[in-house]
Amino acid sequence: MSKATKRKHVVKELLEDYVKPTEDQHIMRVLGSNGNNLHEAVTGSGERYLVSMPTKFRKNLWIKRGDFVIVDPIKEGEKVKGEISFILYRDHIQYLRKLGVWPAGFQEDRTSDDRNEGTPKESERKTKEEDDSDSEDDDSDLFVNTNRATVLYSESEEETDEDEEEEKEDEGRA
């Protein structure tokens, strides 16, 4: 099987399958990468340990700090105590919350939309806007580059005396 075909099947499996963790599996949040395909992760109860990335995911899928994964425990492991079996994306997390299997320790970890519901009028307005817009137009699940500072530009309606003088000079030259 070629690398491209393997990647296609791995990605398709990950995006289309909705899995429910078994009794021995844990849902964990990735805290960071320690290199060599090892990641530090924490359970919903706060237990931290290293988990390994299986070879089928290496160079095909990437995880970053804050992502959620399903981990198979490794009983005989001293340092590495688990192996990632599934990477959870937004749709998977919503599915697991509906099933009621989402860990209580991660309940406060909601998206910014869920955290900032605001007043009832605002939430009613949001639901009306969601009904009007297509799901294809929703950009909330797009990657946001956190390495760049967010700059907000605002234009003031008031012009200073210097700006007005410059405009008059420009008009006079033309």
Foldseek 3Di string as FASTA:
>chain_A
DDPVVLLVVVVCCQPPDQDDDDPQKFKWFWQADPDPQKTWIAGLVGDIAIEGEDPSPPPRDDDGGGWIFIWHADVPDDRHGTYTDGTDDPVNVVVCVVVVNHRPSCPVVDPPCVVPCDDPVSVVVVVVVVVVDDPVPDCPRPDDDPVDDDDDDDDDPDDDPVVVVVVVVVVVVD
